[in-house]
Amino acid sequence: MNAAGADLMRRWCLYFAAASILWLTAWHDAMAETEVVVFCIDNYPPYSYEVNGRAEGIYPAIFRRAFSRMDGYRVTLLSIPWKRGLHYLKRGEGFAIAPVYYKPELRPYIWPYSIPVLRQEEVLLCRERVLAVRNGHRWPEGFYGLTIGKNAGYATGGTVFNEAVARGDIFLSEAKSNRINLMKLGLGRTDCYLNDGLSISWELDQLRNEGLLDEGGQHASLGEPISIHEEWGHLGVTRMDFGRYHFKTDFLAQLNGILAAMQAKGEIRDIVEGIMGAPCHKGP
């Protein structure tokens, strides 16, 4: 082999050696990533819902972007029924769930929480005829004697409302989704429905667009939503893992920093506006 051939061979060897080092480094980094599964509610549009097995909505969009910027973690979002997700966290068999309100007294098995991600307004939607005979809209005293619908397992209404239900001053009717609860309201099976205002508005649009809700005809006319109070959505982590998720302190520290930066730059606002400005989705 002449000198030129030997030089070319050395160059190729160096090239393959460098390529091998890069590949091995990338492989090592990928292998070093911690696999994490985060539950997302499967039936809470527009915040979080499932489409063809994939978590969609406002919170999945926010968290996908945040997780993509974390070092050392590969995060999968898994759509799951709300009560089942809580059950897994309570048993320490699930790592985290989103969105969840900050309720440490009600759910002592969830701790810690992420920083507040998104402010949500809780409202009461009633049939017009119900509101017409109410002397006032004070919550919850102004609604004694009525049947209030809410989603099963949701911590809505507040302590005074829950006490009124326990005394029998208010009757509670629970169903598993916005859609079922809104149809019950339209059919007069409940007097009012309690949930997040944006979520109610989204589902009402879906029902109207699909021709399933005939207000003032087959179904009751609905009044203007009444604001009850505000809550913040978080990501909540199980405290029942007993060291199984040893990485959760670092995970949350990274996540909180990224979420804070996204809020400061207006990214979370842009995500919400982008999703709410999209054409109506034939979701759940």
Protein backbone atom coordinates (compact mmCIF):
# COMPACT_ATOMS: atom_id res chain seq x y z
CA MET A 1 0.00 0.00 0.00
CA ASN A 2 1.44 3.38 -0.99
CA ALA A 3 1.62 6.41 1.31
CA ALA A 4 -1.58 7.94 -0.06
CA GLY A 5 -3.49 4.71 0.51
CA ALA A 6 -2.16 4.36 4.02
CA ASP A 7 -3.18 7.95 4.82
CA LEU A 8 -6.67 7.34 3.48
CA MET A 9 -6.97 4.17 5.57
CA ARG A 10 -5.93 6.09 8.71
CA ARG A 11 -8.52 8.77 7.97
CA TRP A 12 -11.27 6.17 7.59
CA CYS A 13 -10.22 4.47 10.82
CA LEU A 14 -10.32 7.79 12.65
CA TYR A 15 -13.74 8.55 11.13
CA PHE A 16 -15.21 5.21 12.20
CA ALA A 17 -13.65 5.51 15.66
CA ALA A 18 -15.17 8.98 16.13
CA ALA A 19 -18.55 7.80 14.84
CA SER A 20 -18.44 4.81 17.19
CA ILE A 21 -17.66 7.06 20.16
CA LEU A 22 -20.58 9.36 19.30
CA TRP A 23 -22.94 6.41 18.90
CA LEU A 24 -21.82 4.84 22.17
CA THR A 25 -22.20 8.18 23.96
CA ALA A 26 -25.72 8.63 22.60
CA TRP A 27 -26.56 5.02 23.49
CA HIS A 28 -25.24 5.48 27.02
CA ASP A 29 -27.20 8.70 27.49
CA ALA A 30 -30.39 7.05 26.26
CA MET A 31 -29.83 4.03 28.50
CA ALA A 32 -29.16 6.34 31.45
CA GLU A 33 -32.54 8.08 31.12
CA THR A 34 -35.08 7.23 33.81
CA GLU A 35 -38.34 5.99 32.36
CA VAL A 36 -41.31 7.77 33.98
CA VAL A 37 -45.06 7.40 33.45
CA VAL A 38 -47.35 10.31 34.29
CA PHE A 39 -51.11 9.74 34.35
CA CYS A 40 -53.41 12.22 32.61
CA ILE A 41 -57.18 12.31 33.07
CA ASP A 42 -58.85 10.64 30.10
CA ASN A 43 -62.20 12.47 30.11
CA TYR A 44 -61.75 16.11 31.10
CA PRO A 45 -61.78 18.17 27.89
CA PRO A 46 -60.34 20.58 26.97
CA TYR A 47 -57.82 20.13 29.78
CA SER A 48 -57.02 16.44 29.41
CA TYR A 49 -58.65 13.68 27.39
CA GLU A 50 -57.85 10.66 25.25
CA VAL A 51 -57.93 10.41 21.46
CA ASN A 52 -56.99 7.07 19.89
CA GLY A 53 -54.99 6.06 22.97
CA ARG A 54 -53.04 9.33 23.17
CA ALA A 55 -53.35 11.96 25.90
CA GLU A 56 -54.51 15.23 24.36
CA GLY A 57 -55.61 18.62 25.62
CA ILE A 58 -54.16 21.62 27.41
CA TYR A 59 -52.28 19.89 30.21
CA PRO A 60 -50.75 17.12 28.06
CA ALA A 61 -49.52 19.82 25.64
CA ILE A 62 -47.98 21.83 28.48
CA PHE A 63 -46.32 18.85 30.11
CA ARG A 64 -45.06 17.30 26.87
CA ARG A 65 -43.18 20.50 26.14
CA ALA A 66 -41.85 20.71 29.69
CA PHE A 67 -40.80 17.05 29.83
CA SER A 68 -38.94 17.36 26.51
CA ARG A 69 -36.63 19.88 28.19
CA MET A 70 -35.78 17.76 31.23
CA ASP A 71 -32.41 16.05 31.58
CA GLY A 72 -32.19 12.37 32.41
CA TYR A 73 -35.86 11.46 32.04
CA ARG A 74 -37.99 9.90 29.35
CA VAL A 75 -41.61 10.62 30.25
CA THR A 76 -44.69 8.89 28.88
CA LEU A 77 -48.15 10.42 29.32
CA LEU A 78 -50.79 7.76 29.91
CA SER A 79 -54.51 8.54 29.72
CA ILE A 80 -56.40 6.94 32.56
CA PRO A 81 -59.78 7.31 34.31
CA TRP A 82 -59.51 9.83 37.15
CA LYS A 83 -60.55 7.54 40.00
CA ARG A 84 -58.31 4.72 38.77
CA GLY A 85 -55.34 7.07 38.62
CA LEU A 86 -55.98 8.20 42.20
CA HIS A 87 -56.26 4.55 43.25
CA TYR A 88 -52.83 3.77 41.80
CA LEU A 89 -51.24 6.78 43.51
CA LYS A 90 -52.87 5.83 46.79
CA ARG A 91 -51.27 2.38 46.54
CA GLY A 92 -47.91 3.76 45.43
CA GLU A 93 -48.29 1.97 42.08
CA GLY A 94 -48.38 5.18 40.06
CA PHE A 95 -45.88 8.03 40.09
CA ALA A 96 -47.88 11.15 39.28
CA ILE A 97 -51.15 12.47 37.89
CA ALA A 98 -52.22 15.70 36.21
CA PRO A 99 -54.14 17.86 36.49
CA VAL A 100 -54.96 17.73 40.17
CA TYR A 101 -56.01 20.47 42.58
CA TYR A 102 -53.93 21.19 45.66
CA LYS A 103 -55.91 19.20 48.29
CA PRO A 104 -53.37 17.71 50.75
CA GLU A 105 -55.97 17.24 53.50
CA LEU A 106 -58.41 15.46 51.20
CA ARG A 107 -55.72 13.35 49.47
CA PRO A 108 -52.87 12.86 51.95
CA TYR A 109 -51.37 10.19 49.68
CA ILE A 110 -50.42 12.88 47.12
CA TRP A 111 -47.29 14.85 47.95
CA PRO A 112 -45.44 16.84 46.75
CA TYR A 113 -47.11 18.92 44.06
CA SER A 114 -45.63 20.85 41.17
CA ILE A 115 -45.90 24.61 41.16
CA PRO A 116 -49.35 25.89 40.10
CA VAL A 117 -49.65 25.43 36.34
CA LEU A 118 -53.01 26.82 35.26
CA ARG A 119 -55.76 28.79 37.00
CA GLN A 120 -59.25 27.32 36.58
CA GLU A 121 -62.60 28.86 37.48
CA GLU A 122 -65.18 26.61 39.10
CA VAL A 123 -68.75 27.49 38.12
CA LEU A 124 -72.30 26.35 38.75
CA LEU A 125 -74.52 25.88 35.67
CA CYS A 126 -78.27 25.67 36.39
CA ARG A 127 -81.49 25.36 34.45
CA GLU A 128 -83.10 28.75 33.87
CA ARG A 129 -86.30 27.72 35.66
CA VAL A 130 -84.29 26.81 38.73
CA LEU A 131 -82.58 30.19 38.84
CA ALA A 132 -85.89 32.00 38.32
CA VAL A 133 -87.23 30.83 41.71
CA ARG A 134 -84.02 31.36 43.68
CA ASN A 135 -83.95 34.38 45.98
CA GLY A 136 -80.18 34.67 45.71
CA HIS A 137 -77.09 33.00 44.32
CA ARG A 138 -75.07 32.72 47.52
CA TRP A 139 -73.09 29.48 47.48
CA PRO A 140 -74.07 27.00 48.73
CA GLU A 141 -76.88 28.30 50.98
CA GLY A 142 -78.85 29.73 48.06
CA PHE A 143 -79.11 26.26 46.52
CA TYR A 144 -80.42 24.22 49.45
CA GLY A 145 -83.02 21.64 48.45
CA LEU A 146 -81.61 21.23 44.93
CA THR A 147 -79.91 18.30 43.24
CA ILE A 148 -76.41 19.26 42.14
CA GLY A 149 -74.51 17.17 39.61
CA LYS A 150 -70.76 16.75 39.65
CA ASN A 151 -68.13 14.41 38.26
CA ALA A 152 -67.43 11.37 40.41
CA GLY A 153 -64.27 11.72 42.48
CA TYR A 154 -63.80 15.43 41.75
CA ALA A 155 -63.04 17.65 44.75
CA THR A 156 -65.38 20.47 43.78
CA GLY A 157 -67.76 22.70 45.70
CA GLY A 158 -65.74 23.30 48.84
CA THR A 159 -66.02 22.22 52.47
CA VAL A 160 -69.29 24.03 53.23
CA PHE A 161 -70.90 22.41 50.18
CA ASN A 162 -69.75 18.96 51.27
CA GLU A 163 -71.14 19.57 54.76
CA ALA A 164 -74.48 20.62 53.28
CA VAL A 165 -74.58 17.40 51.24
CA ALA A 166 -73.76 15.35 54.35
CA ARG A 167 -76.65 17.03 56.25
CA GLY A 168 -79.07 16.46 53.38
CA ASP A 169 -79.52 20.17 52.65
CA ILE A 170 -78.26 19.57 49.10
CA PHE A 171 -78.65 16.38 47.10
CA LEU A 172 -75.66 15.16 45.14
CA SER A 173 -75.80 13.30 41.83
CA GLU A 174 -72.46 12.06 40.46
CA ALA A 175 -71.61 10.84 36.97
CA LYS A 176 -68.32 9.97 35.30
CA SER A 177 -68.11 12.76 32.72
CA ASN A 178 -69.12 16.28 31.70
CA ARG A 179 -71.21 14.92 28.87
CA ILE A 180 -73.35 12.68 31.03
CA ASN A 181 -73.81 15.37 33.65
CA LEU A 182 -74.80 18.02 31.10
CA MET A 183 -77.32 15.71 29.47
CA LYS A 184 -78.80 14.93 32.91
CA LEU A 185 -79.08 18.67 33.50
CA GLY A 186 -80.76 19.25 30.16
CA LEU A 187 -83.25 16.44 30.83
CA GLY A 188 -84.12 17.88 34.23
CA ARG A 189 -82.67 15.03 36.24
CA THR A 190 -80.48 17.50 38.10
CA ASP A 191 -81.00 21.17 38.88
CA CYS A 192 -77.43 22.41 38.49
CA TYR A 193 -74.01 21.11 37.50
CA LEU A 194 -70.75 22.03 39.23
CA ASN A 195 -67.42 21.94 37.39
CA ASP A 196 -64.72 24.00 35.72
CA GLY A 197 -66.16 26.73 33.52
CA LEU A 198 -63.92 26.17 30.51
CA SER A 199 -64.56 22.45 30.60
CA ILE A 200 -68.34 22.99 30.73
CA SER A 201 -68.20 25.47 27.84
CA TRP A 202 -66.14 23.06 25.73
CA GLU A 203 -68.51 20.14 26.25
CA LEU A 204 -71.61 22.29 25.63
CA ASP A 205 -70.15 23.32 22.27
CA GLN A 206 -69.52 19.68 21.40
CA LEU A 207 -73.08 18.65 22.30
CA ARG A 208 -74.61 21.53 20.34
CA ASN A 209 -72.44 20.90 17.28
CA GLU A 210 -73.39 17.22 17.33
CA GLY A 211 -77.09 18.07 17.62
CA LEU A 212 -77.41 16.22 20.92
CA LEU A 213 -78.48 19.19 23.06
CA ASP A 214 -81.72 20.96 22.10
CA GLU A 215 -82.00 23.81 24.63
CA GLY A 216 -85.49 25.20 24.96
CA GLY A 217 -86.89 22.26 22.99
CA GLN A 218 -86.32 18.68 24.02
CA HIS A 219 -83.93 19.92 26.71
CA ALA A 220 -84.15 22.64 29.31
CA SER A 221 -82.79 26.13 28.70
CA LEU A 222 -79.64 26.77 30.70
CA GLY A 223 -78.77 29.94 32.59
CA GLU A 224 -75.52 31.85 32.78
CA PRO A 225 -72.77 30.09 34.77
CA ILE A 226 -72.30 31.34 38.33
CA SER A 227 -68.70 31.67 39.49
CA ILE A 228 -68.01 29.74 42.71
CA HIS A 229 -64.25 30.05 43.20
CA GLU A 230 -60.90 29.50 41.52
CA GLU A 231 -58.53 26.55 41.69
CA TRP A 232 -55.07 25.88 40.26
CA GLY A 233 -54.12 22.74 38.40
CA HIS A 234 -50.90 20.95 39.39
CA LEU A 235 -49.02 17.75 38.78
CA GLY A 236 -49.28 15.64 41.93
CA VAL A 237 -46.84 12.90 42.98
CA THR A 238 -47.54 9.89 45.19
CA ARG A 239 -46.12 9.90 48.69
CA MET A 240 -46.89 6.19 49.16
CA ASP A 241 -43.97 4.81 47.13
CA PHE A 242 -41.62 4.33 50.14
CA GLY A 243 -38.53 5.10 48.08
CA ARG A 244 -39.64 3.39 44.88
CA TYR A 245 -39.55 6.72 43.03
CA HIS A 246 -36.29 7.89 44.56
CA PHE A 247 -35.84 10.43 41.76
CA LYS A 248 -38.97 12.47 42.49
CA THR A 249 -37.21 15.35 44.26
CA ASP A 250 -34.91 15.95 41.30
CA PHE A 251 -37.76 15.36 38.85
CA LEU A 252 -39.96 18.02 40.45
CA ALA A 253 -37.09 20.48 40.87
CA GLN A 254 -36.36 20.31 37.14
CA LEU A 255 -40.02 20.39 36.17
CA ASN A 256 -40.81 23.38 38.39
CA GLY A 257 -37.95 25.38 36.94
CA ILE A 258 -39.07 24.65 33.39
CA LEU A 259 -42.73 25.41 34.13
CA ALA A 260 -41.79 28.72 35.78
CA ALA A 261 -39.77 29.69 32.71
CA MET A 262 -42.67 28.71 30.41
CA GLN A 263 -45.04 30.88 32.43
CA ALA A 264 -42.64 33.83 32.39
CA LYS A 265 -42.28 33.61 28.59
CA GLY A 266 -46.03 33.28 27.99
CA GLU A 267 -45.71 29.78 26.57
CA ILE A 268 -48.47 28.32 28.72
CA ARG A 269 -50.85 31.12 27.71
CA ASP A 270 -49.99 30.50 24.05
CA ILE A 271 -50.68 26.77 24.40
CA VAL A 272 -54.10 27.42 25.95
CA GLU A 273 -55.03 29.98 23.29
CA GLY A 274 -53.79 27.71 20.51
CA ILE A 275 -55.90 24.78 21.68
CA MET A 276 -59.02 26.81 22.45
CA GLY A 277 -58.73 28.60 19.12
CA ALA A 278 -58.57 25.31 17.19
CA PRO A 279 -61.68 23.92 15.46
CA CYS A 280 -64.01 21.95 17.69
CA HIS A 281 -62.62 18.49 18.26
CA LYS A 282 -64.74 15.37 18.09
CA GLY A 283 -63.30 14.25 21.39
CA PRO A 284 -64.94 12.57 24.37
